[in-house]
Amino acid sequence: CELTSGKVVEDMLTEVARYPWIQRHSVKMLNVLAEEAGVKTPYIRVDKVYSRFKKNMPPFNQLTEILQQHGFKVARTHFDPRGIKVDGDLSEAFKIMNALGR
């Protein structure tokens, strides 16, 4: 999708600085799109994964930080607040996610 290409989103973020009346929510969405553009894998619904593990999920920030510390590129999705994209070996990511569950 052209909207999620890194170049288009970066150009939009550059232009948005010229328009102070644009709402913060719009800028936040562009930042999520920019981050997401770097990860090309399908997304994972984190709540569904933890439901299968029969565990409570950790806070999103903690989950993404730990996955990144293990070398994964992680991005939240713009279209599902419970979704993330993980670039790398998903079976290894699921092992890490399972260990983080409570």
C-alpha atoms as a PDB file:
ATOM      1  CA  CYS A   1       0.000   0.000   0.000  1.00  0.00           C
ATOM      2  CA  GLU A   2       1.399   3.388  -0.976  1.00  0.00           C
ATOM      3  CA  LEU A   3       0.237   4.993   2.275  1.00  0.00           C
ATOM      4  CA  THR A   4       2.441   2.722   4.357  1.00  0.00           C
ATOM      5  CA  SER A   5       5.557   3.144   2.250  1.00  0.00           C
ATOM      6  CA  GLY A   6       8.309   4.660   4.348  1.00  0.00           C
ATOM      7  CA  LYS A   7       9.043   7.447   1.863  1.00  0.00           C
ATOM      8  CA  VAL A   8       5.441   8.673   1.680  1.00  0.00           C
ATOM      9  CA  VAL A   9       5.016   8.697   5.453  1.00  0.00           C
ATOM     10  CA  GLU A  10       8.362  10.430   6.008  1.00  0.00           C
ATOM     11  CA  ASP A  11       7.380  13.099   3.477  1.00  0.00           C
ATOM     12  CA  MET A  12       4.062  13.575   5.272  1.00  0.00           C
ATOM     13  CA  LEU A  13       5.820  13.932   8.641  1.00  0.00           C
ATOM     14  CA  THR A  14       8.138  16.541   7.145  1.00  0.00           C
ATOM     15  CA  GLU A  15       5.213  18.493   5.724  1.00  0.00           C
ATOM     16  CA  VAL A  16       3.096  18.295   8.871  1.00  0.00           C
ATOM     17  CA  ALA A  17       5.592  20.524  10.710  1.00  0.00           C
ATOM     18  CA  ARG A  18       4.497  23.361   8.408  1.00  0.00           C
ATOM     19  CA  TYR A  19       0.897  23.098   9.644  1.00  0.00           C
ATOM     20  CA  PRO A  20       0.649  23.734  13.396  1.00  0.00           C
ATOM     21  CA  TRP A  21      -3.151  23.362  13.313  1.00  0.00           C
ATOM     22  CA  ILE A  22      -2.941  19.625  12.537  1.00  0.00           C
ATOM     23  CA  GLN A  23      -4.065  17.644  15.557  1.00  0.00           C
ATOM     24  CA  ARG A  24      -1.582  15.685  17.643  1.00  0.00           C
ATOM     25  CA  HIS A  25      -3.571  12.505  17.039  1.00  0.00           C
ATOM     26  CA  SER A  26      -2.869  12.800  13.312  1.00  0.00           C
ATOM     27  CA  VAL A  27       0.848  13.246  13.924  1.00  0.00           C
ATOM     28  CA  LYS A  28       0.822  10.286  16.301  1.00  0.00           C
ATOM     29  CA  MET A  29      -0.847   8.156  13.617  1.00  0.00           C
ATOM     30  CA  LEU A  30       1.796   9.188  11.079  1.00  0.00           C
ATOM     31  CA  ASN A  31       4.520   8.174  13.540  1.00  0.00           C
ATOM     32  CA  VAL A  32       2.894   4.745  13.978  1.00  0.00           C
ATOM     33  CA  LEU A  33       2.694   4.382  10.183  1.00  0.00           C
ATOM     34  CA  ALA A  34       6.360   5.338   9.838  1.00  0.00           C
ATOM     35  CA  GLU A  35       7.393   2.734  12.404  1.00  0.00           C
ATOM     36  CA  GLU A  36       5.132   0.105  10.858  1.00  0.00           C
ATOM     37  CA  ALA A  37       6.476   0.733   7.349  1.00  0.00           C
ATOM     38  CA  GLY A  38       9.782  -0.851   8.360  1.00  0.00           C
ATOM     39  CA  VAL A  39       8.226  -4.218   9.260  1.00  0.00           C
ATOM     40  CA  LYS A  40       6.766  -6.140   6.338  1.00  0.00           C
ATOM     41  CA  THR A  41       5.441  -9.242   8.121  1.00  0.00           C
ATOM     42  CA  PRO A  42       1.761  -9.910   8.900  1.00  0.00           C
ATOM     43  CA  TYR A  43       0.538  -8.629  12.215  1.00  0.00           C
ATOM     44  CA  ILE A  44      -0.106 -10.583  15.409  1.00  0.00           C
ATOM     45  CA  ARG A  45      -3.089  -9.958  17.682  1.00  0.00           C
ATOM     46  CA  VAL A  46      -1.306 -10.018  21.031  1.00  0.00           C
ATOM     47  CA  ASP A  47      -4.465 -10.639  23.056  1.00  0.00           C
ATOM     48  CA  LYS A  48      -5.255 -13.725  20.941  1.00  0.00           C
ATOM     49  CA  VAL A  49      -1.723 -15.091  21.392  1.00  0.00           C
ATOM     50  CA  TYR A  50      -1.936 -14.762  25.160  1.00  0.00           C
ATOM     51  CA  SER A  51      -5.408 -16.260  25.131  1.00  0.00           C
ATOM     52  CA  ARG A  52      -3.904 -19.364  23.493  1.00  0.00           C
ATOM     53  CA  PHE A  53      -1.127 -19.362  26.104  1.00  0.00           C
ATOM     54  CA  LYS A  54      -3.833 -19.072  28.795  1.00  0.00           C
ATOM     55  CA  LYS A  55      -1.824 -16.252  30.350  1.00  0.00           C
ATOM     56  CA  ASN A  56      -2.261 -12.558  30.968  1.00  0.00           C
ATOM     57  CA  MET A  57      -0.344 -10.363  28.589  1.00  0.00           C
ATOM     58  CA  PRO A  58       2.300  -7.928  29.809  1.00  0.00           C
ATOM     59  CA  PRO A  59       2.067  -4.197  29.056  1.00  0.00           C
ATOM     60  CA  PHE A  60       2.642  -3.469  25.356  1.00  0.00           C
ATOM     61  CA  ASN A  61       5.683  -1.308  26.014  1.00  0.00           C
ATOM     62  CA  GLN A  62       7.345  -4.049  28.041  1.00  0.00           C
ATOM     63  CA  LEU A  63       6.555  -6.660  25.378  1.00  0.00           C
ATOM     64  CA  THR A  64       7.954  -4.581  22.523  1.00  0.00           C
ATOM     65  CA  GLU A  65      11.074  -3.608  24.496  1.00  0.00           C
ATOM     66  CA  ILE A  66      11.887  -7.232  25.367  1.00  0.00           C
ATOM     67  CA  LEU A  67      11.361  -8.405  21.789  1.00  0.00           C
ATOM     68  CA  GLN A  68      13.599  -5.592  20.550  1.00  0.00           C
ATOM     69  CA  GLN A  69      16.265  -6.534  23.101  1.00  0.00           C
ATOM     70  CA  HIS A  70      16.215 -10.025  21.564  1.00  0.00           C
ATOM     71  CA  GLY A  71      16.951  -8.536  18.149  1.00  0.00           C
ATOM     72  CA  PHE A  72      13.457  -8.339  16.692  1.00  0.00           C
ATOM     73  CA  LYS A  73      12.175  -5.353  14.786  1.00  0.00           C
ATOM     74  CA  VAL A  74       8.758  -4.610  16.321  1.00  0.00           C
ATOM     75  CA  ALA A  75       6.045  -2.132  15.365  1.00  0.00           C
ATOM     76  CA  ARG A  76       2.508  -1.541  16.568  1.00  0.00           C
ATOM     77  CA  THR A  77      -0.141  -1.604  13.871  1.00  0.00           C
ATOM     78  CA  HIS A  78      -2.086   1.478  12.844  1.00  0.00           C
ATOM     79  CA  PHE A  79      -5.341  -0.423  12.321  1.00  0.00           C
ATOM     80  CA  ASP A  80      -5.525  -2.604  15.452  1.00  0.00           C
ATOM     81  CA  PRO A  81      -4.479  -1.297  18.871  1.00  0.00           C
ATOM     82  CA  ARG A  82      -3.906  -4.878  20.043  1.00  0.00           C
ATOM     83  CA  GLY A  83      -1.710  -5.786  17.089  1.00  0.00           C
ATOM     84  CA  ILE A  84       2.041  -5.788  16.514  1.00  0.00           C
ATOM     85  CA  LYS A  85       4.276  -6.719  13.618  1.00  0.00           C
ATOM     86  CA  VAL A  86       7.402  -8.717  14.410  1.00  0.00           C
ATOM     87  CA  ASP A  87      10.146  -9.091  11.837  1.00  0.00           C
ATOM     88  CA  GLY A  88      12.029 -12.317  12.488  1.00  0.00           C
ATOM     89  CA  ASP A  89      11.508 -15.929  13.531  1.00  0.00           C
ATOM     90  CA  LEU A  90       7.940 -15.988  14.852  1.00  0.00           C
ATOM     91  CA  SER A  91       8.398 -19.271  16.723  1.00  0.00           C
ATOM     92  CA  GLU A  92      11.220 -17.649  18.717  1.00  0.00           C
ATOM     93  CA  ALA A  93       9.092 -14.526  19.271  1.00  0.00           C
ATOM     94  CA  PHE A  94       6.235 -16.693  20.569  1.00  0.00           C
ATOM     95  CA  LYS A  95       8.622 -18.436  23.020  1.00  0.00           C
ATOM     96  CA  ILE A  96       9.692 -15.047  24.367  1.00  0.00           C
ATOM     97  CA  MET A  97       6.086 -13.869  24.532  1.00  0.00           C
ATOM     98  CA  ASN A  98       5.074 -17.011  26.414  1.00  0.00           C
ATOM     99  CA  ALA A  99       7.860 -16.493  28.957  1.00  0.00           C
ATOM    100  CA  LEU A 100       6.644 -12.924  29.555  1.00  0.00           C
ATOM    101  CA  GLY A 101       3.049 -13.988  30.255  1.00  0.00           C
ATOM    102  CA  ARG A 102       1.706 -14.079  33.783  1.00  0.00           C
END
